[in-house]
Amino acid sequence: MRLVLACVGRLKAGAERDLVTRYLDRIRPAGRPLGLNACDMIEIPESAARRADDRMAEEGAALLAALPSGAGLMVLDPRGKSLSSPDFARRIAVERDGGLAALAFVIGGADGLAEAVRARASDLIAYGSATFPHQLVRVMLAEQIYRAVTILAGHPYHRA
């Protein structure tokens, strides 16, 4: 199953991009024996629309258009549920074992995600009630995807 990290906005060169790249690079060798391919990152530009609803709609349409055909979606949303790392890994395994060809993890823009994107999601997940900068959320999500792969592989990286 192909993994995709799809985000609104582009990370500039620096510590956050380096960390995301480090985790995404680790996924390929760890995930291959598990039937999980590389985790590609798709970055779409932020909308320049004046109204928040228009920005969300434009960004949502661009995200959906950029995703692999038929991809499942796990969306970060403050209204979502908090998953433990083992539960997150199990959700990925369920999608993989169900024959899904691609699974996308989606991070919206500053205004949130369009309802069209949220409606397509199999899961809405949240990192608690605190607000985090999008750059850090991207690092945290890349790390959690890598951690999920190591959990599925039985690797000692994850310690409860």
Protein backbone atom coordinates (compact mmCIF):
# COMPACT_ATOMS: atom_id res chain seq x y z
CA MET A 1 0.00 0.00 0.00
CA ARG A 2 1.31 3.41 -0.93
CA LEU A 3 1.41 5.98 1.86
CA VAL A 4 0.99 9.70 1.21
CA LEU A 5 1.41 12.70 3.48
CA ALA A 6 -0.72 15.43 1.85
CA CYS A 7 -0.47 18.95 3.22
CA VAL A 8 -1.58 22.48 2.52
CA GLY A 9 1.46 24.75 2.41
CA ARG A 10 5.10 24.15 1.66
CA LEU A 11 7.75 23.59 4.29
CA LYS A 12 10.77 25.81 3.84
CA ALA A 13 14.27 24.44 4.18
CA GLY A 14 15.13 24.06 7.82
CA ALA A 15 14.75 21.87 10.88
CA GLU A 16 11.11 20.92 10.30
CA ARG A 17 11.68 19.85 6.68
CA ASP A 18 14.79 17.92 7.73
CA LEU A 19 12.83 16.02 10.40
CA VAL A 20 9.92 15.22 8.08
CA THR A 21 12.36 13.99 5.42
CA ARG A 22 14.22 11.87 7.98
CA TYR A 23 11.04 10.06 9.08
CA LEU A 24 9.68 9.63 5.56
CA ASP A 25 13.05 8.21 4.41
CA ARG A 26 12.96 5.65 7.24
CA ILE A 27 9.53 4.37 6.23
CA ARG A 28 10.60 2.86 2.88
CA PRO A 29 12.99 0.16 4.17
CA ALA A 30 10.96 -0.54 7.31
CA GLY A 31 7.62 -0.75 5.51
CA ARG A 32 8.57 -2.73 2.41
CA PRO A 33 8.43 -6.18 4.12
CA LEU A 34 5.02 -5.21 5.53
CA GLY A 35 3.47 -4.31 2.19
CA LEU A 36 3.80 -0.59 2.88
CA ASN A 37 5.55 1.41 0.19
CA ALA A 38 7.35 4.70 0.58
CA CYS A 39 5.50 7.62 2.11
CA ASP A 40 5.40 10.40 -0.45
CA MET A 41 4.78 14.01 0.54
CA ILE A 42 2.40 16.12 -1.50
CA GLU A 43 2.37 19.83 -0.78
CA ILE A 44 -0.26 22.07 -2.31
CA PRO A 45 -0.05 25.85 -2.17
CA GLU A 46 -2.17 27.83 0.24
CA SER A 47 -5.16 29.49 -1.38
CA ALA A 48 -5.07 33.26 -1.86
CA ALA A 49 -8.86 33.59 -1.65
CA ARG A 50 -10.09 36.34 0.63
CA ARG A 51 -12.79 34.41 2.47
CA ALA A 52 -11.94 31.46 4.73
CA ASP A 53 -14.70 29.29 3.22
CA ASP A 54 -13.34 29.95 -0.27
CA ARG A 55 -9.79 29.17 0.86
CA MET A 56 -10.89 25.88 2.40
CA ALA A 57 -12.87 24.95 -0.71
CA GLU A 58 -9.95 25.71 -3.06
CA GLU A 59 -7.43 23.90 -0.87
CA GLY A 60 -9.77 20.94 -0.42
CA ALA A 61 -10.31 20.58 -4.17
CA ALA A 62 -6.55 20.79 -4.77
CA LEU A 63 -5.85 18.17 -2.09
CA LEU A 64 -8.40 15.74 -3.47
CA ALA A 65 -7.12 16.24 -7.01
CA ALA A 66 -3.52 15.58 -5.93
CA LEU A 67 -4.26 12.29 -4.16
CA PRO A 68 -3.85 8.90 -5.83
CA SER A 69 -7.08 7.60 -7.32
CA GLY A 70 -9.10 5.65 -4.78
CA ALA A 71 -6.86 6.55 -1.85
CA GLY A 72 -8.26 6.18 1.63
CA LEU A 73 -8.01 9.28 3.83
CA MET A 74 -7.03 9.79 7.43
CA VAL A 75 -7.54 13.48 8.17
CA LEU A 76 -6.15 15.58 10.99
CA ASP A 77 -9.04 17.55 12.42
CA PRO A 78 -9.49 19.12 15.86
CA ARG A 79 -12.92 17.44 16.06
CA GLY A 80 -11.34 14.04 15.46
CA LYS A 81 -10.50 11.38 18.00
CA SER A 82 -7.19 10.91 19.71
CA LEU A 83 -5.53 7.60 18.83
CA SER A 84 -2.74 5.90 20.71
CA SER A 85 0.25 4.95 18.57
CA PRO A 86 -0.71 1.23 18.60
CA ASP A 87 -4.29 2.12 17.61
CA PHE A 88 -2.97 4.33 14.80
CA ALA A 89 -0.81 1.42 13.59
CA ARG A 90 -3.81 -0.93 13.71
CA ARG A 91 -5.87 1.50 11.59
CA ILE A 92 -3.12 1.50 8.94
CA ALA A 93 -2.97 -2.31 9.05
CA VAL A 94 -6.74 -2.57 8.62
CA GLU A 95 -6.60 -0.41 5.49
CA ARG A 96 -3.63 -2.37 4.13
CA ASP A 97 -5.21 -5.73 4.89
CA GLY A 98 -8.46 -4.57 3.28
CA GLY A 99 -6.65 -4.22 -0.04
CA LEU A 100 -6.47 -0.44 -0.18
CA ALA A 101 -3.88 0.64 -2.78
CA ALA A 102 -3.07 3.99 -1.14
CA LEU A 103 -3.66 5.71 2.19
CA ALA A 104 -3.30 9.48 2.50
CA PHE A 105 -2.77 11.38 5.74
CA VAL A 106 -4.12 14.89 5.23
CA ILE A 107 -3.23 18.15 6.99
CA GLY A 108 -5.31 21.15 5.99
CA GLY A 109 -4.51 24.83 5.91
CA ALA A 110 -4.75 27.46 8.63
CA ASP A 111 -8.55 27.70 8.20
CA GLY A 112 -9.10 23.95 8.37
CA LEU A 113 -10.39 21.52 5.78
CA ALA A 114 -13.33 21.67 3.43
CA GLU A 115 -16.26 19.44 4.33
CA ALA A 116 -15.70 17.57 1.04
CA VAL A 117 -12.32 16.35 2.33
CA ARG A 118 -13.57 15.51 5.80
CA ALA A 119 -16.51 13.59 4.32
CA ARG A 120 -14.13 11.34 2.32
CA ALA A 121 -12.08 10.44 5.39
CA SER A 122 -12.25 7.02 7.00
CA ASP A 123 -10.86 8.58 10.19
CA LEU A 124 -10.69 12.05 11.68
CA ILE A 125 -7.79 12.16 14.11
CA ALA A 126 -6.64 14.88 16.50
CA TYR A 127 -3.53 15.57 18.53
CA GLY A 128 -5.46 16.76 21.56
CA SER A 129 -7.17 20.07 22.13
CA ALA A 130 -4.06 22.26 21.93
CA THR A 131 -3.27 24.16 18.74
CA PHE A 132 0.11 23.41 17.14
CA PRO A 133 1.92 25.10 14.27
CA HIS A 134 1.34 23.26 10.99
CA GLN A 135 5.07 22.68 10.55
CA LEU A 136 5.25 20.83 13.86
CA VAL A 137 2.08 18.85 13.16
CA ARG A 138 3.66 17.67 9.93
CA VAL A 139 6.73 16.48 11.84
CA MET A 140 4.55 14.79 14.47
CA LEU A 141 2.46 13.03 11.82
CA ALA A 142 5.51 11.86 9.85
CA GLU A 143 6.96 10.47 13.07
CA GLN A 144 3.70 8.71 13.94
CA ILE A 145 3.53 7.09 10.51
CA TYR A 146 7.09 5.86 10.98
CA ARG A 147 6.27 4.70 14.53
CA ALA A 148 3.22 2.83 13.21
CA VAL A 149 5.40 1.03 10.67
CA THR A 150 7.84 0.02 13.40
CA ILE A 151 4.99 -1.19 15.62
CA LEU A 152 3.64 -3.34 12.77
CA ALA A 153 7.16 -4.69 12.17
CA GLY A 154 7.68 -5.53 15.85
CA HIS A 155 10.68 -3.20 15.94
CA PRO A 156 11.77 -1.92 19.38
CA TYR A 157 11.56 1.78 18.32
CA HIS A 158 8.15 1.95 20.03
CA ARG A 159 8.23 1.35 23.73
CA ALA A 160 4.98 1.58 25.66
